Amino acid sequence: MCRDGALRLTVYNDGPWAQEDLAVAPHRVGLGNLRTRLRILHGDRSELLLQPAEAGGLEVIVTLPLQEA
């Protein structure tokens, strides 16, 4: 979805996962590296968000700034 000069990508995983994993996941190496790369490339104009999906499972939302070609 494109809105307010940003592209928002949402990915759902409806596989089994424990609620406790959500508290630990943001501190794992891969997600930490992704957050660092987003911050280096886009500063505060990007975001990586992990949250429980309404229908169950996990929802990951990545927000990136749109740039004109």
PDB file of N, CA and C in Angstrom:
ATOM      1  N   MET A   1       0.845  -1.160   0.000  1.00  0.00           N
ATOM      2  CA  MET A   1       0.000   0.000   0.000  1.00  0.00           C
ATOM      3  C   MET A   1       0.900   1.235   0.000  1.00  0.00           C
ATOM      4  N   CYS A   2       0.628   2.186  -0.845  1.00  0.00           N
ATOM      5  CA  CYS A   2       1.354   3.439  -0.899  1.00  0.00           C
ATOM      6  C   CYS A   2       0.486   4.543  -0.316  1.00  0.00           C
ATOM      7  N   ARG A   3       1.075   5.273   0.633  1.00  0.00           N
ATOM      8  CA  ARG A   3       0.315   6.355   1.262  1.00  0.00           C
ATOM      9  C   ARG A   3       1.299   7.317   1.917  1.00  0.00           C
ATOM     10  N   ASP A   4       1.031   8.594   1.810  1.00  0.00           N
ATOM     11  CA  ASP A   4       1.831   9.632   2.458  1.00  0.00           C
ATOM     12  C   ASP A   4       3.311   9.531   2.121  1.00  0.00           C
ATOM     13  N   GLY A   5       3.618   9.224   0.855  1.00  0.00           N
ATOM     14  CA  GLY A   5       5.006   9.161   0.426  1.00  0.00           C
ATOM     15  C   GLY A   5       5.760   7.946   0.935  1.00  0.00           C
ATOM     16  N   ALA A   6       5.033   6.910   1.342  1.00  0.00           N
ATOM     17  CA  ALA A   6       5.681   5.707   1.867  1.00  0.00           C
ATOM     18  C   ALA A   6       5.022   4.455   1.299  1.00  0.00           C
ATOM     19  N   LEU A   7       5.819   3.410   1.184  1.00  0.00           N
ATOM     20  CA  LEU A   7       5.343   2.099   0.771  1.00  0.00           C
ATOM     21  C   LEU A   7       5.275   1.225   2.016  1.00  0.00           C
ATOM     22  N   ARG A   8       4.132   0.604   2.226  1.00  0.00           N
ATOM     23  CA  ARG A   8       3.934  -0.244   3.401  1.00  0.00           C
ATOM     24  C   ARG A   8       3.702  -1.683   2.945  1.00  0.00           C
ATOM     25  N   LEU A   9       4.622  -2.571   3.320  1.00  0.00           N
ATOM     26  CA  LEU A   9       4.536  -3.988   2.982  1.00  0.00           C
ATOM     27  C   LEU A   9       4.126  -4.760   4.222  1.00  0.00           C
ATOM     28  N   THR A  10       3.119  -5.615   4.086  1.00  0.00           N
ATOM     29  CA  THR A  10       2.648  -6.411   5.211  1.00  0.00           C
ATOM     30  C   THR A  10       2.719  -7.880   4.835  1.00  0.00           C
ATOM     31  N   VAL A  11       3.325  -8.673   5.716  1.00  0.00           N
ATOM     32  CA  VAL A  11       3.455 -10.116   5.514  1.00  0.00           C
ATOM     33  C   VAL A  11       2.830 -10.813   6.709  1.00  0.00           C
ATOM     34  N   TYR A  12       2.014 -11.824   6.440  1.00  0.00           N
ATOM     35  CA  TYR A  12       1.378 -12.598   7.495  1.00  0.00           C
ATOM     36  C   TYR A  12       1.970 -14.000   7.534  1.00  0.00           C
ATOM     37  N   ASN A  13       2.166 -14.512   8.721  1.00  0.00           N
ATOM     38  CA  ASN A  13       2.569 -15.896   8.921  1.00  0.00           C
ATOM     39  C   ASN A  13       1.539 -16.495   9.857  1.00  0.00           C
ATOM     40  N   ASP A  14       0.742 -17.425   9.345  1.00  0.00           N
ATOM     41  CA  ASP A  14      -0.290 -18.022  10.185  1.00  0.00           C
ATOM     42  C   ASP A  14       0.141 -19.375  10.743  1.00  0.00           C
ATOM     43  N   GLY A  15       1.436 -19.644  10.652  1.00  0.00           N
ATOM     44  CA  GLY A  15       1.958 -20.890  11.211  1.00  0.00           C
ATOM     45  C   GLY A  15       1.989 -20.843  12.729  1.00  0.00           C
ATOM     46  N   PRO A  16       2.295 -21.968  13.327  1.00  0.00           N
ATOM     47  CA  PRO A  16       2.329 -22.005  14.793  1.00  0.00           C
ATOM     48  C   PRO A  16       3.483 -21.152  15.335  1.00  0.00           C
ATOM     49  N   TRP A  17       3.184 -20.419  16.349  1.00  0.00           N
ATOM     50  CA  TRP A  17       4.207 -19.660  17.064  1.00  0.00           C
ATOM     51  C   TRP A  17       3.681 -19.354  18.446  1.00  0.00           C
ATOM     52  N   ALA A  18       4.565 -19.195  19.370  1.00  0.00           N
ATOM     53  CA  ALA A  18       4.174 -18.930  20.753  1.00  0.00           C
ATOM     54  C   ALA A  18       4.140 -17.421  20.995  1.00  0.00           C
ATOM     55  N   GLN A  19       3.210 -16.963  21.788  1.00  0.00           N
ATOM     56  CA  GLN A  19       3.093 -15.537  22.123  1.00  0.00           C
ATOM     57  C   GLN A  19       4.402 -15.016  22.713  1.00  0.00           C
ATOM     58  N   GLU A  20       5.093 -15.867  23.462  1.00  0.00           N
ATOM     59  CA  GLU A  20       6.347 -15.453  24.087  1.00  0.00           C
ATOM     60  C   GLU A  20       7.412 -15.148  23.034  1.00  0.00           C
ATOM     61  N   ASP A  21       7.326 -15.791  21.865  1.00  0.00           N
ATOM     62  CA  ASP A  21       8.309 -15.559  20.811  1.00  0.00           C
ATOM     63  C   ASP A  21       8.294 -14.114  20.337  1.00  0.00           C
ATOM     64  N   LEU A  22       7.158 -13.468  20.389  1.00  0.00           N
ATOM     65  CA  LEU A  22       7.050 -12.090  19.923  1.00  0.00           C
ATOM     66  C   LEU A  22       7.931 -11.166  20.764  1.00  0.00           C
ATOM     67  N   ALA A  23       8.049 -11.426  22.042  1.00  0.00           N
ATOM     68  CA  ALA A  23       8.885 -10.600  22.914  1.00  0.00           C
ATOM     69  C   ALA A  23      10.370 -10.798  22.612  1.00  0.00           C
ATOM     70  N   VAL A  24      10.743 -12.001  22.204  1.00  0.00           N
ATOM     71  CA  VAL A  24      12.143 -12.314  21.937  1.00  0.00           C
ATOM     72  C   VAL A  24      12.539 -11.961  20.507  1.00  0.00           C
ATOM     73  N   ALA A  25      11.638 -12.112  19.551  1.00  0.00           N
ATOM     74  CA  ALA A  25      11.940 -11.945  18.130  1.00  0.00           C
ATOM     75  C   ALA A  25      12.609 -10.618  17.781  1.00  0.00           C
ATOM     76  N   PRO A  26      12.146  -9.469  18.297  1.00  0.00           N
ATOM     77  CA  PRO A  26      12.769  -8.201  17.901  1.00  0.00           C
ATOM     78  C   PRO A  26      14.248  -8.101  18.259  1.00  0.00           C
ATOM     79  N   HIS A  27      14.735  -8.940  19.158  1.00  0.00           N
ATOM     80  CA  HIS A  27      16.115  -8.861  19.611  1.00  0.00           C
ATOM     81  C   HIS A  27      17.015  -9.885  18.933  1.00  0.00           C
ATOM     82  N   ARG A  28      16.487 -10.632  17.995  1.00  0.00           N
ATOM     83  CA  ARG A  28      17.285 -11.628  17.283  1.00  0.00           C
ATOM     84  C   ARG A  28      18.184 -10.943  16.255  1.00  0.00           C
ATOM     85  N   VAL A  29      19.253 -11.620  15.877  1.00  0.00           N
ATOM     86  CA  VAL A  29      20.284 -11.034  15.022  1.00  0.00           C
ATOM     87  C   VAL A  29      19.745 -10.597  13.664  1.00  0.00           C
ATOM     88  N   GLY A  30      19.002 -11.451  12.979  1.00  0.00           N
ATOM     89  CA  GLY A  30      18.505 -11.115  11.644  1.00  0.00           C
ATOM     90  C   GLY A  30      17.626  -9.886  11.637  1.00  0.00           C
ATOM     91  N   LEU A  31      16.696  -9.801  12.584  1.00  0.00           N
ATOM     92  CA  LEU A  31      15.809  -8.637  12.661  1.00  0.00           C
ATOM     93  C   LEU A  31      16.583  -7.396  13.090  1.00  0.00           C
ATOM     94  N   GLY A  32      17.536  -7.575  13.977  1.00  0.00           N
ATOM     95  CA  GLY A  32      18.382  -6.450  14.390  1.00  0.00           C
ATOM     96  C   GLY A  32      19.183  -5.902  13.216  1.00  0.00           C
ATOM     97  N   ASN A  33      19.730  -6.810  12.399  1.00  0.00           N
ATOM     98  CA  ASN A  33      20.485  -6.390  11.217  1.00  0.00           C
ATOM     99  C   ASN A  33      19.583  -5.659  10.227  1.00  0.00           C
ATOM    100  N   LEU A  34      18.364  -6.146  10.048  1.00  0.00           N
ATOM    101  CA  LEU A  34      17.426  -5.493   9.137  1.00  0.00           C
ATOM    102  C   LEU A  34      17.068  -4.099   9.635  1.00  0.00           C
ATOM    103  N   ARG A  35      16.813  -3.967  10.914  1.00  0.00           N
ATOM    104  CA  ARG A  35      16.503  -2.642  11.479  1.00  0.00           C
ATOM    105  C   ARG A  35      17.679  -1.676  11.302  1.00  0.00           C
ATOM    106  N   THR A  36      18.892  -2.173  11.537  1.00  0.00           N
ATOM    107  CA  THR A  36      20.085  -1.337  11.367  1.00  0.00           C
ATOM    108  C   THR A  36      20.227  -0.885   9.923  1.00  0.00           C
ATOM    109  N   ARG A  37      20.039  -1.798   8.982  1.00  0.00           N
ATOM    110  CA  ARG A  37      20.159  -1.455   7.564  1.00  0.00           C
ATOM    111  C   ARG A  37      19.097  -0.433   7.158  1.00  0.00           C
ATOM    112  N   LEU A  38      17.864  -0.629   7.624  1.00  0.00           N
ATOM    113  CA  LEU A  38      16.803   0.335   7.329  1.00  0.00           C
ATOM    114  C   LEU A  38      17.157   1.715   7.878  1.00  0.00           C
ATOM    115  N   ARG A  39      17.692   1.760   9.093  1.00  0.00           N
ATOM    116  CA  ARG A  39      18.054   3.034   9.726  1.00  0.00           C
ATOM    117  C   ARG A  39      19.191   3.707   8.949  1.00  0.00           C
ATOM    118  N   ILE A  40      20.188   2.918   8.509  1.00  0.00           N
ATOM    119  CA  ILE A  40      21.308   3.483   7.755  1.00  0.00           C
ATOM    120  C   ILE A  40      20.825   4.041   6.417  1.00  0.00           C
ATOM    121  N   LEU A  41      19.987   3.288   5.723  1.00  0.00           N
ATOM    122  CA  LEU A  41      19.536   3.688   4.397  1.00  0.00           C
ATOM    123  C   LEU A  41      18.472   4.777   4.404  1.00  0.00           C
ATOM    124  N   HIS A  42      17.565   4.740   5.391  1.00  0.00           N
ATOM    125  CA  HIS A  42      16.393   5.619   5.338  1.00  0.00           C
ATOM    126  C   HIS A  42      16.168   6.449   6.600  1.00  0.00           C
ATOM    127  N   GLY A  43      17.018   6.312   7.601  1.00  0.00           N
ATOM    128  CA  GLY A  43      16.840   7.079   8.836  1.00  0.00           C
ATOM    129  C   GLY A  43      15.506   6.769   9.488  1.00  0.00           C
ATOM    130  N   ASP A  44      14.856   7.797   9.984  1.00  0.00           N
ATOM    131  CA  ASP A  44      13.584   7.592  10.686  1.00  0.00           C
ATOM    132  C   ASP A  44      12.399   7.518   9.730  1.00  0.00           C
ATOM    133  N   ARG A  45      12.665   7.454   8.421  1.00  0.00           N
ATOM    134  CA  ARG A  45      11.581   7.352   7.432  1.00  0.00           C
ATOM    135  C   ARG A  45      11.170   5.906   7.172  1.00  0.00           C
ATOM    136  N   SER A  46      11.813   4.953   7.849  1.00  0.00           N
ATOM    137  CA  SER A  46      11.466   3.540   7.674  1.00  0.00           C
ATOM    138  C   SER A  46      11.101   2.931   9.022  1.00  0.00           C
ATOM    139  N   GLU A  47      10.431   1.775   8.958  1.00  0.00           N
ATOM    140  CA  GLU A  47      10.006   1.113  10.190  1.00  0.00           C
ATOM    141  C   GLU A  47       9.847  -0.387   9.938  1.00  0.00           C
ATOM    142  N   LEU A  48      10.192  -1.173  10.937  1.00  0.00           N
ATOM    143  CA  LEU A  48       9.947  -2.616  10.936  1.00  0.00           C
ATOM    144  C   LEU A  48       9.145  -2.921  12.187  1.00  0.00           C
ATOM    145  N   LEU A  49       7.960  -3.475  12.008  1.00  0.00           N
ATOM    146  CA  LEU A  49       7.060  -3.729  13.119  1.00  0.00           C
ATOM    147  C   LEU A  49       6.616  -5.180  13.092  1.00  0.00           C
ATOM    148  N   LEU A  50       6.711  -5.872  14.240  1.00  0.00           N
ATOM    149  CA  LEU A  50       6.199  -7.229  14.404  1.00  0.00           C
ATOM    150  C   LEU A  50       5.080  -7.171  15.417  1.00  0.00           C
ATOM    151  N   GLN A  51       3.960  -7.819  15.094  1.00  0.00           N
ATOM    152  CA  GLN A  51       2.826  -7.814  16.013  1.00  0.00           C
ATOM    153  C   GLN A  51       1.961  -9.040  15.767  1.00  0.00           C
ATOM    154  N   PRO A  52       1.168  -9.425  16.757  1.00  0.00           N
ATOM    155  CA  PRO A  52       0.243 -10.539  16.542  1.00  0.00           C
ATOM    156  C   PRO A  52      -0.789 -10.145  15.485  1.00  0.00           C
ATOM    157  N   ALA A  53      -1.086 -11.049  14.567  1.00  0.00           N
ATOM    158  CA  ALA A  53      -2.111 -10.792  13.556  1.00  0.00           C
ATOM    159  C   ALA A  53      -3.488 -11.005  14.172  1.00  0.00           C
ATOM    160  N   GLU A  54      -4.461 -10.240  13.709  1.00  0.00           N
ATOM    161  CA  GLU A  54      -5.815 -10.342  14.261  1.00  0.00           C
ATOM    162  C   GLU A  54      -6.391 -11.738  14.115  1.00  0.00           C
ATOM    163  N   ALA A  55      -6.079 -12.413  13.013  1.00  0.00           N
ATOM    164  CA  ALA A  55      -6.620 -13.748  12.763  1.00  0.00           C
ATOM    165  C   ALA A  55      -5.742 -14.845  13.364  1.00  0.00           C
ATOM    166  N   GLY A  56      -4.722 -14.460  14.107  1.00  0.00           N
ATOM    167  CA  GLY A  56      -3.773 -15.410  14.665  1.00  0.00           C
ATOM    168  C   GLY A  56      -2.493 -15.397  13.859  1.00  0.00           C
ATOM    169  N   GLY A  57      -1.435 -15.876  14.432  1.00  0.00           N
ATOM    170  CA  GLY A  57      -0.141 -15.857  13.772  1.00  0.00           C
ATOM    171  C   GLY A  57       0.577 -14.544  13.986  1.00  0.00           C
ATOM    172  N   LEU A  58       1.452 -14.203  13.057  1.00  0.00           N
ATOM    173  CA  LEU A  58       2.317 -13.038  13.190  1.00  0.00           C
ATOM    174  C   LEU A  58       2.179 -12.147  11.969  1.00  0.00           C
ATOM    175  N   GLU A  59       2.226 -10.849  12.189  1.00  0.00           N
ATOM    176  CA  GLU A  59       2.171  -9.868  11.116  1.00  0.00           C
ATOM    177  C   GLU A  59       3.464  -9.051  11.175  1.00  0.00           C
ATOM    178  N   VAL A  60       4.119  -8.910  10.035  1.00  0.00           N
ATOM    179  CA  VAL A  60       5.324  -8.091   9.927  1.00  0.00           C
ATOM    180  C   VAL A  60       5.024  -6.967   8.951  1.00  0.00           C
ATOM    181  N   ILE A  61       5.276  -5.745   9.385  1.00  0.00           N
ATOM    182  CA  ILE A  61       5.013  -4.576   8.549  1.00  0.00           C
ATOM    183  C   ILE A  61       6.322  -3.819   8.348  1.00  0.00           C
ATOM    184  N   VAL A  62       6.676  -3.589   7.090  1.00  0.00           N
ATOM    185  CA  VAL A  62       7.863  -2.818   6.746  1.00  0.00           C
ATOM    186  C   VAL A  62       7.381  -1.567   6.016  1.00  0.00           C
ATOM    187  N   THR A  63       7.802  -0.410   6.494  1.00  0.00           N
ATOM    188  CA  THR A  63       7.452   0.858   5.866  1.00  0.00           C
ATOM    189  C   THR A  63       8.731   1.473   5.300  1.00  0.00           C
ATOM    190  N   LEU A  64       8.689   1.828   4.011  1.00  0.00           N
ATOM    191  CA  LEU A  64       9.833   2.400   3.325  1.00  0.00           C
ATOM    192  C   LEU A  64       9.411   3.705   2.651  1.00  0.00           C
ATOM    193  N   PRO A  65      10.313   4.684   2.596  1.00  0.00           N
ATOM    194  CA  PRO A  65       9.982   5.921   1.894  1.00  0.00           C
ATOM    195  C   PRO A  65       9.986   5.693   0.394  1.00  0.00           C
ATOM    196  N   LEU A  66       9.045   6.307  -0.294  1.00  0.00           N
ATOM    197  CA  LEU A  66       9.019   6.247  -1.759  1.00  0.00           C
ATOM    198  C   LEU A  66       9.964   7.308  -2.298  1.00  0.00           C
ATOM    199  N   GLN A  67      10.691   6.936  -3.330  1.00  0.00           N
ATOM    200  CA  GLN A  67      11.602   7.875  -3.963  1.00  0.00           C
ATOM    201  C   GLN A  67      11.265   7.934  -5.447  1.00  0.00           C
ATOM    202  N   GLU A  68      11.247   9.120  -6.008  1.00  0.00           N
ATOM    203  CA  GLU A  68      10.971   9.263  -7.431  1.00  0.00           C
ATOM    204  C   GLU A  68      12.164   8.789  -8.228  1.00  0.00           C
ATOM    205  N   ALA A  69      11.887   8.110  -9.335  1.00  0.00           N
ATOM    206  CA  ALA A  69      12.966   7.590 -10.188  1.00  0.00           C
ATOM    207  C   ALA A  69      13.470   8.664 -11.108  1.00  0.00           C
TER     208      ALA A  69
END
